[in-house]
Every structure is written in C-alpha cells, then in structure tokens.
C-alpha cells in the first residue's frame, strides 16, 4: 500500500476519482499476499499490483465498474494448477479482492 501513496495523493490533487483493490485472502498458491493493493483512476491509470500480471486487466475492469456504480464488492479470480499452466501462468490458486471507491 505504501508504494501507492504518492500516486494516490497526486491523483487526488488532480481531482481524479480512484478505486482501490486489495488482496484480502489467497487460497492455494498466489503471486501476491494479502495486503497487496492496486489503485485505478476513472481514466484507467493504474498503480500497484494485486496479482503480478495474472488478472490485472480484470481487476482494472472491476475497479472501473466500482467507480461507475459506487458499489463496494468482493471479487475472486482463480485457476487450478493445470489451468494456470495451460495459459502460461506459474501458479494456480485463487485470490480474493475487496474493491472500493476511495472517498475523500
């Protein structure tokens, strides 16, 4: 989260709306531990990472939808080890995220 602070502060000064996605649980193997975070502006700018690239695009889409609706939500993304290997990922497992708009 600390690595996001500068970007979040800059975006806030510029008047951008921001959603924050945080890893809250991991089942099986996963690239990032609980606490990992990603911030996304309504314009699609991104800071941080919640998966090391495996599901980042889908998380950005969830964050943009959260900004559009204002609804906080839990989302999960996962692959079995066999499915992960088939698409070129190094690990299976499921990552659970909490996605919310940052309100000032």
PDB file of N, CA and C in Angstrom:
ATOM      1  N   UNK A   1       0.818  -1.190   0.000  1.00  0.00           N
ATOM      2  CA  UNK A   1       0.000   0.000   0.000  1.00  0.00           C
ATOM      3  C   UNK A   1       0.865   1.258   0.000  1.00  0.00           C
ATOM      4  N   UNK A   2       1.982   1.223   0.695  1.00  0.00           N
ATOM      5  CA  UNK A   2       2.828   2.415   0.785  1.00  0.00           C
ATOM      6  C   UNK A   2       3.312   2.901  -0.571  1.00  0.00           C
ATOM      7  N   UNK A   3       3.546   1.946  -1.486  1.00  0.00           N
ATOM      8  CA  UNK A   3       4.042   2.340  -2.808  1.00  0.00           C
ATOM      9  C   UNK A   3       2.981   3.080  -3.624  1.00  0.00           C
ATOM     10  N   UNK A   4       1.732   3.036  -3.183  1.00  0.00           N
ATOM     11  CA  UNK A   4       0.651   3.710  -3.899  1.00  0.00           C
ATOM     12  C   UNK A   4       0.403   5.136  -3.418  1.00  0.00           C
ATOM     13  N   UNK A   5       0.880   5.462  -2.249  1.00  0.00           N
ATOM     14  CA  UNK A   5       0.531   6.740  -1.615  1.00  0.00           C
ATOM     15  C   UNK A   5       0.846   7.938  -2.501  1.00  0.00           C
ATOM     16  N   UNK A   6       2.022   7.985  -3.080  1.00  0.00           N
ATOM     17  CA  UNK A   6       2.384   9.137  -3.913  1.00  0.00           C
ATOM     18  C   UNK A   6       1.450   9.293  -5.105  1.00  0.00           C
ATOM     19  N   UNK A   7       1.140   8.177  -5.769  1.00  0.00           N
ATOM     20  CA  UNK A   7       0.226   8.233  -6.911  1.00  0.00           C
ATOM     21  C   UNK A   7      -1.168   8.663  -6.472  1.00  0.00           C
ATOM     22  N   UNK A   8      -1.652   8.092  -5.379  1.00  0.00           N
ATOM     23  CA  UNK A   8      -2.989   8.436  -4.885  1.00  0.00           C
ATOM     24  C   UNK A   8      -3.059   9.912  -4.519  1.00  0.00           C
ATOM     25  N   UNK A   9      -2.048  10.413  -3.834  1.00  0.00           N
ATOM     26  CA  UNK A   9      -2.048  11.836  -3.467  1.00  0.00           C
ATOM     27  C   UNK A   9      -2.024  12.728  -4.704  1.00  0.00           C
ATOM     28  N   UNK A  10      -1.213  12.370  -5.692  1.00  0.00           N
ATOM     29  CA  UNK A  10      -1.139  13.151  -6.930  1.00  0.00           C
ATOM     30  C   UNK A  10      -2.486  13.140  -7.652  1.00  0.00           C
ATOM     31  N   UNK A  11      -3.076  11.954  -7.785  1.00  0.00           N
ATOM     32  CA  UNK A  11      -4.367  11.853  -8.463  1.00  0.00           C
ATOM     33  C   UNK A  11      -5.441  12.624  -7.712  1.00  0.00           C
ATOM     34  N   UNK A  12      -5.383  12.580  -6.401  1.00  0.00           N
ATOM     35  CA  UNK A  12      -6.367  13.319  -5.602  1.00  0.00           C
ATOM     36  C   UNK A  12      -6.240  14.823  -5.843  1.00  0.00           C
ATOM     37  N   UNK A  13      -4.995  15.326  -5.846  1.00  0.00           N
ATOM     38  CA  UNK A  13      -4.770  16.756  -6.115  1.00  0.00           C
ATOM     39  C   UNK A  13      -5.285  17.148  -7.496  1.00  0.00           C
ATOM     40  N   UNK A  14      -5.209  16.213  -8.444  1.00  0.00           N
ATOM     41  CA  UNK A  14      -5.668  16.477  -9.803  1.00  0.00           C
ATOM     42  C   UNK A  14      -7.188  16.297  -9.950  1.00  0.00           C
ATOM     43  N   UNK A  15      -7.856  15.893  -8.894  1.00  0.00           N
ATOM     44  CA  UNK A  15      -9.309  15.753  -8.916  1.00  0.00           C
ATOM     45  C   UNK A  15      -9.830  14.439  -9.460  1.00  0.00           C
ATOM     46  N   UNK A  16      -8.963  13.446  -9.595  1.00  0.00           N
ATOM     47  CA  UNK A  16      -9.403  12.152 -10.124  1.00  0.00           C
ATOM     48  C   UNK A  16     -10.151  11.346  -9.068  1.00  0.00           C
ATOM     49  N   UNK A  17     -11.115  10.579  -9.521  1.00  0.00           N
ATOM     50  CA  UNK A  17     -11.761   9.582  -8.673  1.00  0.00           C
ATOM     51  C   UNK A  17     -10.931   8.312  -8.749  1.00  0.00           C
ATOM     52  N   UNK A  18     -10.852   7.590  -7.627  1.00  0.00           N
ATOM     53  CA  UNK A  18      -9.948   6.443  -7.533  1.00  0.00           C
ATOM     54  C   UNK A  18     -10.667   5.272  -6.875  1.00  0.00           C
ATOM     55  N   UNK A  19     -10.404   4.077  -7.402  1.00  0.00           N
ATOM     56  CA  UNK A  19     -10.847   2.843  -6.750  1.00  0.00           C
ATOM     57  C   UNK A  19      -9.611   2.110  -6.253  1.00  0.00           C
ATOM     58  N   UNK A  20      -9.775   1.414  -5.148  1.00  0.00           N
ATOM     59  CA  UNK A  20      -8.683   0.658  -4.561  1.00  0.00           C
ATOM     60  C   UNK A  20      -9.083  -0.807  -4.487  1.00  0.00           C
ATOM     61  N   UNK A  21      -8.233  -1.683  -4.995  1.00  0.00           N
ATOM     62  CA  UNK A  21      -8.437  -3.129  -4.915  1.00  0.00           C
ATOM     63  C   UNK A  21      -7.353  -3.691  -3.996  1.00  0.00           C
ATOM     64  N   UNK A  22      -7.762  -4.472  -2.998  1.00  0.00           N
ATOM     65  CA  UNK A  22      -6.806  -5.053  -2.056  1.00  0.00           C
ATOM     66  C   UNK A  22      -6.991  -6.553  -1.958  1.00  0.00           C
ATOM     67  N   UNK A  23      -5.875  -7.275  -1.939  1.00  0.00           N
ATOM     68  CA  UNK A  23      -5.914  -8.717  -1.710  1.00  0.00           C
ATOM     69  C   UNK A  23      -6.283  -8.926  -0.242  1.00  0.00           C
ATOM     70  N   UNK A  24      -7.361  -9.682  -0.012  1.00  0.00           N
ATOM     71  CA  UNK A  24      -7.772  -9.963   1.361  1.00  0.00           C
ATOM     72  C   UNK A  24      -7.571 -11.429   1.744  1.00  0.00           C
ATOM     73  N   UNK A  25      -7.406 -12.303   0.736  1.00  0.00           N
ATOM     74  CA  UNK A  25      -7.165 -13.718   1.025  1.00  0.00           C
ATOM     75  C   UNK A  25      -6.632 -14.390  -0.228  1.00  0.00           C
ATOM     76  N   UNK A  26      -5.854 -15.433  -0.024  1.00  0.00           N
ATOM     77  CA  UNK A  26      -5.335 -16.251  -1.129  1.00  0.00           C
ATOM     78  C   UNK A  26      -5.534 -17.709  -0.747  1.00  0.00           C
ATOM     79  N   UNK A  27      -6.114 -18.478  -1.661  1.00  0.00           N
ATOM     80  CA  UNK A  27      -6.252 -19.921  -1.472  1.00  0.00           C
ATOM     81  C   UNK A  27      -5.288 -20.602  -2.419  1.00  0.00           C
ATOM     82  N   UNK A  28      -4.526 -21.556  -1.926  1.00  0.00           N
ATOM     83  CA  UNK A  28      -3.527 -22.207  -2.757  1.00  0.00           C
ATOM     84  C   UNK A  28      -2.359 -21.264  -2.960  1.00  0.00           C
ATOM     85  N   UNK A  29      -1.702 -21.402  -4.093  1.00  0.00           N
ATOM     86  CA  UNK A  29      -0.565 -20.526  -4.369  1.00  0.00           C
ATOM     87  C   UNK A  29      -1.060 -19.262  -5.053  1.00  0.00           C
ATOM     88  N   UNK A  30      -0.350 -18.185  -4.823  1.00  0.00           N
ATOM     89  CA  UNK A  30      -0.710 -16.911  -5.432  1.00  0.00           C
ATOM     90  C   UNK A  30       0.503 -16.008  -5.491  1.00  0.00           C
ATOM     91  N   UNK A  31       0.534 -15.111  -6.462  1.00  0.00           N
ATOM     92  CA  UNK A  31       1.708 -14.265  -6.642  1.00  0.00           C
ATOM     93  C   UNK A  31       1.845 -13.136  -5.630  1.00  0.00           C
ATOM     94  N   UNK A  32       0.758 -12.695  -5.028  1.00  0.00           N
ATOM     95  CA  UNK A  32       0.804 -11.580  -4.065  1.00  0.00           C
ATOM     96  C   UNK A  32       0.055 -11.978  -2.803  1.00  0.00           C
ATOM     97  N   UNK A  33       0.539 -11.535  -1.679  1.00  0.00           N
ATOM     98  CA  UNK A  33      -0.049 -11.866  -0.388  1.00  0.00           C
ATOM     99  C   UNK A  33      -1.146 -10.878  -0.004  1.00  0.00           C
ATOM    100  N   UNK A  34      -1.999 -11.251   0.963  1.00  0.00           N
ATOM    101  CA  UNK A  34      -2.976 -10.298   1.468  1.00  0.00           C
ATOM    102  C   UNK A  34      -2.303  -8.982   1.863  1.00  0.00           C
ATOM    103  N   UNK A  35      -2.974  -7.893   1.511  1.00  0.00           N
ATOM    104  CA  UNK A  35      -2.422  -6.561   1.741  1.00  0.00           C
ATOM    105  C   UNK A  35      -1.925  -5.915   0.465  1.00  0.00           C
ATOM    106  N   UNK A  36      -1.595  -6.719  -0.546  1.00  0.00           N
ATOM    107  CA  UNK A  36      -1.176  -6.149  -1.826  1.00  0.00           C
ATOM    108  C   UNK A  36      -2.331  -5.321  -2.381  1.00  0.00           C
ATOM    109  N   UNK A  37      -2.005  -4.211  -3.049  1.00  0.00           N
ATOM    110  CA  UNK A  37      -3.065  -3.298  -3.484  1.00  0.00           C
ATOM    111  C   UNK A  37      -2.785  -2.716  -4.863  1.00  0.00           C
ATOM    112  N   UNK A  38      -3.875  -2.300  -5.500  1.00  0.00           N
ATOM    113  CA  UNK A  38      -3.828  -1.620  -6.788  1.00  0.00           C
ATOM    114  C   UNK A  38      -4.818  -0.468  -6.741  1.00  0.00           C
ATOM    115  N   UNK A  39      -4.377   0.704  -7.200  1.00  0.00           N
ATOM    116  CA  UNK A  39      -5.265   1.861  -7.317  1.00  0.00           C
ATOM    117  C   UNK A  39      -5.504   2.126  -8.792  1.00  0.00           C
ATOM    118  N   UNK A  40      -6.749   2.505  -9.125  1.00  0.00           N
ATOM    119  CA  UNK A  40      -7.139   2.739 -10.513  1.00  0.00           C
ATOM    120  C   UNK A  40      -7.958   4.029 -10.569  1.00  0.00           C
ATOM    121  N   UNK A  41      -7.595   4.923 -11.489  1.00  0.00           N
ATOM    122  CA  UNK A  41      -8.386   6.144 -11.677  1.00  0.00           C
ATOM    123  C   UNK A  41      -9.518   5.882 -12.658  1.00  0.00           C
ATOM    124  N   UNK A  42     -10.501   6.803 -12.693  1.00  0.00           N
ATOM    125  CA  UNK A  42     -11.609   6.639 -13.640  1.00  0.00           C
ATOM    126  C   UNK A  42     -11.123   6.701 -15.082  1.00  0.00           C
ATOM    127  N   UNK A  43      -9.929   7.247 -15.302  1.00  0.00           N
ATOM    128  CA  UNK A  43      -9.347   7.288 -16.640  1.00  0.00           C
ATOM    129  C   UNK A  43      -8.520   6.061 -16.984  1.00  0.00           C
ATOM    130  N   UNK A  44      -8.429   5.100 -16.049  1.00  0.00           N
ATOM    131  CA  UNK A  44      -7.717   3.851 -16.311  1.00  0.00           C
ATOM    132  C   UNK A  44      -6.250   3.864 -15.945  1.00  0.00           C
ATOM    133  N   UNK A  45      -5.768   4.923 -15.276  1.00  0.00           N
ATOM    134  CA  UNK A  45      -4.379   4.899 -14.804  1.00  0.00           C
ATOM    135  C   UNK A  45      -4.291   3.928 -13.636  1.00  0.00           C
ATOM    136  N   UNK A  46      -3.172   3.206 -13.558  1.00  0.00           N
ATOM    137  CA  UNK A  46      -3.018   2.146 -12.564  1.00  0.00           C
ATOM    138  C   UNK A  46      -1.708   2.317 -11.812  1.00  0.00           C
ATOM    139  N   UNK A  47      -1.764   2.058 -10.519  1.00  0.00           N
ATOM    140  CA  UNK A  47      -0.569   1.979  -9.688  1.00  0.00           C
ATOM    141  C   UNK A  47      -0.699   0.745  -8.813  1.00  0.00           C
ATOM    142  N   UNK A  48       0.383   0.032  -8.626  1.00  0.00           N
ATOM    143  CA  UNK A  48       0.386  -1.153  -7.783  1.00  0.00           C
ATOM    144  C   UNK A  48       0.009  -2.404  -8.540  1.00  0.00           C
ATOM    145  N   UNK A  49      -0.074  -3.509  -7.802  1.00  0.00           N
ATOM    146  CA  UNK A  49      -0.363  -4.803  -8.404  1.00  0.00           C
ATOM    147  C   UNK A  49      -0.998  -5.719  -7.365  1.00  0.00           C
ATOM    148  N   UNK A  50      -1.957  -6.507  -7.798  1.00  0.00           N
ATOM    149  CA  UNK A  50      -2.579  -7.486  -6.910  1.00  0.00           C
ATOM    150  C   UNK A  50      -2.316  -8.920  -7.344  1.00  0.00           C
ATOM    151  N   UNK A  51      -1.709  -9.087  -8.519  1.00  0.00           N
ATOM    152  CA  UNK A  51      -1.508 -10.460  -8.994  1.00  0.00           C
ATOM    153  C   UNK A  51      -0.226 -10.655  -9.769  1.00  0.00           C
ATOM    154  N   UNK A  52       0.601  -9.657  -9.877  1.00  0.00           N
ATOM    155  CA  UNK A  52       1.819  -9.818 -10.660  1.00  0.00           C
ATOM    156  C   UNK A  52       1.534  -9.961 -12.140  1.00  0.00           C
ATOM    157  N   UNK A  53       0.343  -9.591 -12.594  1.00  0.00           N
ATOM    158  CA  UNK A  53       0.017  -9.602 -14.015  1.00  0.00           C
ATOM    159  C   UNK A  53      -1.026 -10.613 -14.426  1.00  0.00           C
ATOM    160  N   UNK A  54      -1.276 -11.633 -13.601  1.00  0.00           N
ATOM    161  CA  UNK A  54      -2.188 -12.709 -13.991  1.00  0.00           C
ATOM    162  C   UNK A  54      -3.603 -12.223 -14.278  1.00  0.00           C
ATOM    163  N   UNK A  55      -4.143 -11.353 -13.445  1.00  0.00           N
ATOM    164  CA  UNK A  55      -5.530 -10.924 -13.594  1.00  0.00           C
ATOM    165  C   UNK A  55      -5.674  -9.406 -13.535  1.00  0.00           C
ATOM    166  N   UNK A  56      -4.590  -8.686 -13.725  1.00  0.00           N
ATOM    167  CA  UNK A  56      -4.614  -7.235 -13.569  1.00  0.00           C
ATOM    168  C   UNK A  56      -5.676  -6.571 -14.449  1.00  0.00           C
ATOM    169  N   UNK A  57      -5.818  -7.004 -15.693  1.00  0.00           N
ATOM    170  CA  UNK A  57      -6.807  -6.407 -16.592  1.00  0.00           C
ATOM    171  C   UNK A  57      -8.222  -6.559 -16.070  1.00  0.00           C
ATOM    172  N   UNK A  58      -8.543  -7.729 -15.547  1.00  0.00           N
ATOM    173  CA  UNK A  58      -9.876  -7.958 -14.992  1.00  0.00           C
ATOM    174  C   UNK A  58     -10.101  -7.124 -13.739  1.00  0.00           C
ATOM    175  N   UNK A  59      -9.049  -6.921 -12.948  1.00  0.00           N
ATOM    176  CA  UNK A  59      -9.173  -6.106 -11.738  1.00  0.00           C
ATOM    177  C   UNK A  59      -9.417  -4.646 -12.114  1.00  0.00           C
ATOM    178  N   UNK A  60      -8.735  -4.158 -13.148  1.00  0.00           N
ATOM    179  CA  UNK A  60      -8.975  -2.789 -13.619  1.00  0.00           C
ATOM    180  C   UNK A  60     -10.434  -2.642 -14.039  1.00  0.00           C
ATOM    181  N   UNK A  61     -10.979  -3.614 -14.752  1.00  0.00           N
ATOM    182  CA  UNK A  61     -12.389  -3.563 -15.161  1.00  0.00           C
ATOM    183  C   UNK A  61     -13.315  -3.518 -13.957  1.00  0.00           C
ATOM    184  N   UNK A  62     -13.034  -4.326 -12.943  1.00  0.00           N
ATOM    185  CA  UNK A  62     -13.844  -4.308 -11.713  1.00  0.00           C
ATOM    186  C   UNK A  62     -13.750  -2.947 -11.035  1.00  0.00           C
ATOM    187  N   UNK A  63     -12.544  -2.380 -10.975  1.00  0.00           N
ATOM    188  CA  UNK A  63     -12.352  -1.078 -10.333  1.00  0.00           C
ATOM    189  C   UNK A  63     -13.123   0.016 -11.068  1.00  0.00           C
ATOM    190  N   UNK A  64     -13.079  -0.011 -12.389  1.00  0.00           N
ATOM    191  CA  UNK A  64     -13.821   0.992 -13.165  1.00  0.00           C
ATOM    192  C   UNK A  64     -15.326   0.851 -12.948  1.00  0.00           C
ATOM    193  N   UNK A  65     -15.805  -0.392 -12.835  1.00  0.00           N
ATOM    194  CA  UNK A  65     -17.224  -0.608 -12.578  1.00  0.00           C
ATOM    195  C   UNK A  65     -17.602  -0.108 -11.181  1.00  0.00           C
ATOM    196  N   UNK A  66     -16.732  -0.313 -10.208  1.00  0.00           N
ATOM    197  CA  UNK A  66     -16.969   0.191  -8.857  1.00  0.00           C
ATOM    198  C   UNK A  66     -17.071   1.718  -8.873  1.00  0.00           C
ATOM    199  N   UNK A  67     -16.213   2.372  -9.645  1.00  0.00           N
ATOM    200  CA  UNK A  67     -16.288   3.829  -9.747  1.00  0.00           C
ATOM    201  C   UNK A  67     -17.590   4.269 -10.416  1.00  0.00           C
ATOM    202  N   UNK A  68     -18.059   3.500 -11.386  1.00  0.00           N
ATOM    203  CA  UNK A  68     -19.296   3.851 -12.088  1.00  0.00           C
ATOM    204  C   UNK A  68     -20.527   3.650 -11.215  1.00  0.00           C
ATOM    205  N   UNK A  69     -20.521   2.602 -10.389  1.00  0.00           N
ATOM    206  CA  UNK A  69     -21.709   2.267  -9.606  1.00  0.00           C
ATOM    207  C   UNK A  69     -21.643   2.744  -8.158  1.00  0.00           C
ATOM    208  N   UNK A  70     -20.421   2.913  -7.652  1.00  0.00           N
ATOM    209  CA  UNK A  70     -20.248   3.270  -6.245  1.00  0.00           C
ATOM    210  C   UNK A  70     -20.372   2.087  -5.308  1.00  0.00           C
ATOM    211  N   UNK A  71     -20.582   0.892  -5.856  1.00  0.00           N
ATOM    212  CA  UNK A  71     -20.763  -0.314  -5.045  1.00  0.00           C
ATOM    213  C   UNK A  71     -19.429  -0.961  -4.705  1.00  0.00           C
ATOM    214  N   UNK A  72     -19.185  -1.174  -3.426  1.00  0.00           N
ATOM    215  CA  UNK A  72     -18.018  -1.941  -2.983  1.00  0.00           C
ATOM    216  C   UNK A  72     -18.324  -3.409  -3.220  1.00  0.00           C
ATOM    217  N   UNK A  73     -17.260  -4.205  -3.453  1.00  0.00           N
ATOM    218  CA  UNK A  73     -17.527  -5.622  -3.688  1.00  0.00           C
ATOM    219  C   UNK A  73     -16.307  -6.485  -3.435  1.00  0.00           C
ATOM    220  N   UNK A  74     -16.604  -7.748  -3.162  1.00  0.00           N
ATOM    221  CA  UNK A  74     -15.578  -8.787  -3.110  1.00  0.00           C
ATOM    222  C   UNK A  74     -15.582  -9.465  -4.469  1.00  0.00           C
ATOM    223  N   UNK A  75     -14.407  -9.708  -5.008  1.00  0.00           N
ATOM    224  CA  UNK A  75     -14.282 -10.452  -6.257  1.00  0.00           C
ATOM    225  C   UNK A  75     -13.196 -11.503  -6.077  1.00  0.00           C
ATOM    226  N   UNK A  76     -13.317 -12.584  -6.797  1.00  0.00           N
ATOM    227  CA  UNK A  76     -12.338 -13.664  -6.725  1.00  0.00           C
ATOM    228  C   UNK A  76     -11.917 -14.059  -8.124  1.00  0.00           C
ATOM    229  N   UNK A  77     -10.641 -14.381  -8.251  1.00  0.00           N
ATOM    230  CA  UNK A  77     -10.092 -14.851  -9.510  1.00  0.00           C
ATOM    231  C   UNK A  77      -9.239 -16.061  -9.197  1.00  0.00           C
ATOM    232  N   UNK A  78      -9.392 -17.107  -9.999  1.00  0.00           N
ATOM    233  CA  UNK A  78      -8.596 -18.282  -9.703  1.00  0.00           C
ATOM    234  C   UNK A  78      -8.498 -19.247 -10.861  1.00  0.00           C
ATOM    235  N   UNK A  79      -7.474 -20.058 -10.768  1.00  0.00           N
ATOM    236  CA  UNK A  79      -7.202 -21.113 -11.736  1.00  0.00           C
ATOM    237  C   UNK A  79      -6.703 -22.330 -10.969  1.00  0.00           C
ATOM    238  N   UNK A  80      -7.034 -23.495 -11.465  1.00  0.00           N
ATOM    239  CA  UNK A  80      -6.390 -24.686 -10.931  1.00  0.00           C
ATOM    240  C   UNK A  80      -4.946 -24.671 -11.423  1.00  0.00           C
ATOM    241  N   UNK A  81      -4.079 -25.471 -10.820  1.00  0.00           N
ATOM    242  CA  UNK A  81      -2.685 -25.515 -11.267  1.00  0.00           C
ATOM    243  C   UNK A  81      -2.599 -25.912 -12.735  1.00  0.00           C
ATOM    244  N   UNK A  82      -3.434 -26.868 -13.174  1.00  0.00           N
ATOM    245  CA  UNK A  82      -3.403 -27.310 -14.571  1.00  0.00           C
ATOM    246  C   UNK A  82      -3.865 -26.197 -15.511  1.00  0.00           C
ATOM    247  N   UNK A  83      -4.948 -25.493 -15.143  1.00  0.00           N
ATOM    248  CA  UNK A  83      -5.435 -24.383 -15.964  1.00  0.00           C
ATOM    249  C   UNK A  83      -4.399 -23.263 -16.032  1.00  0.00           C
ATOM    250  N   UNK A  84      -3.780 -22.967 -14.904  1.00  0.00           N
ATOM    251  CA  UNK A  84      -2.781 -21.899 -14.867  1.00  0.00           C
ATOM    252  C   UNK A  84      -1.620 -22.241 -15.791  1.00  0.00           C
ATOM    253  N   UNK A  85      -1.129 -23.462 -15.713  1.00  0.00           N
ATOM    254  CA  UNK A  85      -0.016 -23.870 -16.563  1.00  0.00           C
ATOM    255  C   UNK A  85      -0.397 -23.787 -18.035  1.00  0.00           C
ATOM    256  N   UNK A  86      -1.633 -24.176 -18.373  1.00  0.00           N
ATOM    257  CA  UNK A  86      -2.086 -24.178 -19.763  1.00  0.00           C
ATOM    258  C   UNK A  86      -2.097 -22.781 -20.371  1.00  0.00           C
ATOM    259  N   UNK A  87      -2.348 -21.750 -19.567  1.00  0.00           N
ATOM    260  CA  UNK A  87      -2.367 -20.386 -20.103  1.00  0.00           C
ATOM    261  C   UNK A  87      -1.065 -19.637 -19.827  1.00  0.00           C
ATOM    262  N   UNK A  88      -0.042 -20.355 -19.370  1.00  0.00           N
ATOM    263  CA  UNK A  88       1.271 -19.745 -19.203  1.00  0.00           C
ATOM    264  C   UNK A  88       1.517 -19.083 -17.861  1.00  0.00           C
ATOM    265  N   UNK A  89       0.648 -19.336 -16.874  1.00  0.00           N
ATOM    266  CA  UNK A  89       0.869 -18.785 -15.543  1.00  0.00           C
ATOM    267  C   UNK A  89       1.714 -19.760 -14.731  1.00  0.00           C
ATOM    268  N   UNK A  90       2.398 -19.246 -13.734  1.00  0.00           N
ATOM    269  CA  UNK A  90       3.296 -20.095 -12.963  1.00  0.00           C
ATOM    270  C   UNK A  90       2.628 -20.716 -11.751  1.00  0.00           C
ATOM    271  N   UNK A  91       1.424 -20.283 -11.424  1.00  0.00           N
ATOM    272  CA  UNK A  91       0.792 -20.821 -10.227  1.00  0.00           C
ATOM    273  C   UNK A  91      -0.716 -20.901 -10.418  1.00  0.00           C
ATOM    274  N   UNK A  92      -1.321 -21.818  -9.691  1.00  0.00           N
ATOM    275  CA  UNK A  92      -2.774 -21.873  -9.620  1.00  0.00           C
ATOM    276  C   UNK A  92      -3.183 -21.120  -8.369  1.00  0.00           C
ATOM    277  N   UNK A  93      -4.345 -21.436  -7.860  1.00  0.00           N
ATOM    278  CA  UNK A  93      -4.806 -20.772  -6.651  1.00  0.00           C
ATOM    279  C   UNK A  93      -5.868 -19.742  -6.957  1.00  0.00           C
ATOM    280  N   UNK A  94      -6.435 -19.202  -5.897  1.00  0.00           N
ATOM    281  CA  UNK A  94      -7.494 -18.209  -6.012  1.00  0.00           C
ATOM    282  C   UNK A  94      -7.129 -17.006  -5.164  1.00  0.00           C
ATOM    283  N   UNK A  95      -7.307 -15.836  -5.731  1.00  0.00           N
ATOM    284  CA  UNK A  95      -7.062 -14.595  -5.000  1.00  0.00           C
ATOM    285  C   UNK A  95      -8.411 -13.903  -4.790  1.00  0.00           C
ATOM    286  N   UNK A  96      -8.648 -13.456  -3.559  1.00  0.00           N
ATOM    287  CA  UNK A  96      -9.883 -12.763  -3.200  1.00  0.00           C
ATOM    288  C   UNK A  96      -9.543 -11.293  -2.945  1.00  0.00           C
ATOM    289  N   UNK A  97     -10.298 -10.407  -3.597  1.00  0.00           N
ATOM    290  CA  UNK A  97     -10.025  -8.972  -3.520  1.00  0.00           C
ATOM    291  C   UNK A  97     -11.249  -8.221  -3.000  1.00  0.00           C
ATOM    292  N   UNK A  98     -10.981  -7.142  -2.276  1.00  0.00           N
ATOM    293  CA  UNK A  98     -12.029  -6.190  -1.918  1.00  0.00           C
ATOM    294  C   UNK A  98     -11.767  -4.942  -2.737  1.00  0.00           C
ATOM    295  N   UNK A  99     -12.768  -4.505  -3.498  1.00  0.00           N
ATOM    296  CA  UNK A  99     -12.629  -3.356  -4.392  1.00  0.00           C
ATOM    297  C   UNK A  99     -13.616  -2.280  -3.927  1.00  0.00           C
ATOM    298  N   UNK A 100     -13.098  -1.069  -3.728  1.00  0.00           N
ATOM    299  CA  UNK A 100     -13.949   0.024  -3.241  1.00  0.00           C
ATOM    300  C   UNK A 100     -13.487   1.354  -3.783  1.00  0.00           C
ATOM    301  N   UNK A 101     -14.421   2.302  -3.917  1.00  0.00           N
ATOM    302  CA  UNK A 101     -14.010   3.661  -4.288  1.00  0.00           C
ATOM    303  C   UNK A 101     -13.370   4.325  -3.080  1.00  0.00           C
ATOM    304  N   UNK A 102     -12.359   5.128  -3.324  1.00  0.00           N
ATOM    305  CA  UNK A 102     -11.768   5.922  -2.235  1.00  0.00           C
ATOM    306  C   UNK A 102     -12.587   7.197  -2.105  1.00  0.00           C
ATOM    307  N   UNK A 103     -13.150   7.386  -0.955  1.00  0.00           N
ATOM    308  CA  UNK A 103     -13.937   8.590  -0.692  1.00  0.00           C
ATOM    309  C   UNK A 103     -13.093   9.534   0.141  1.00  0.00           C
ATOM    310  N   UNK A 104     -13.112  10.805  -0.234  1.00  0.00           N
ATOM    311  CA  UNK A 104     -12.286  11.777   0.495  1.00  0.00           C
ATOM    312  C   UNK A 104     -13.081  12.351   1.619  1.00  0.00           C
TER     313      UNK A 104
END
